[in-house]
């Protein structure tokens, strides 16, 4: 029997990758709000470190092959996109690595 990895295991590895490049991946728990992405990723500016040039994106982690995106999660993805933020659904290390590489 193949064990399907827990979402938090993937999430913990991805947080470590963000921190390794000088960023933060904050866990957000908003009281009374359902479906908001799991992590807000804050990255330093590219090149010179200038105050106010940091970068932000959001990540919803899912268990590979079994995770389902809820209606509330889809709604928040649309809202954040409308506001100009990128939101990603991630279920593998390779997906997260590709996203992080694009943001480096």
Foldseek 3Di string as FASTA:
>chain_A
DDDFDDQVVLVVVLQVVLVVQPKGWDADDDPPAPQAAGTKIWAAAPDDGDPPRIAIAGEHEATPPPGDRDPSNVVNCVVCVVVPHHYYYDHDPVVSVVVVVVVD
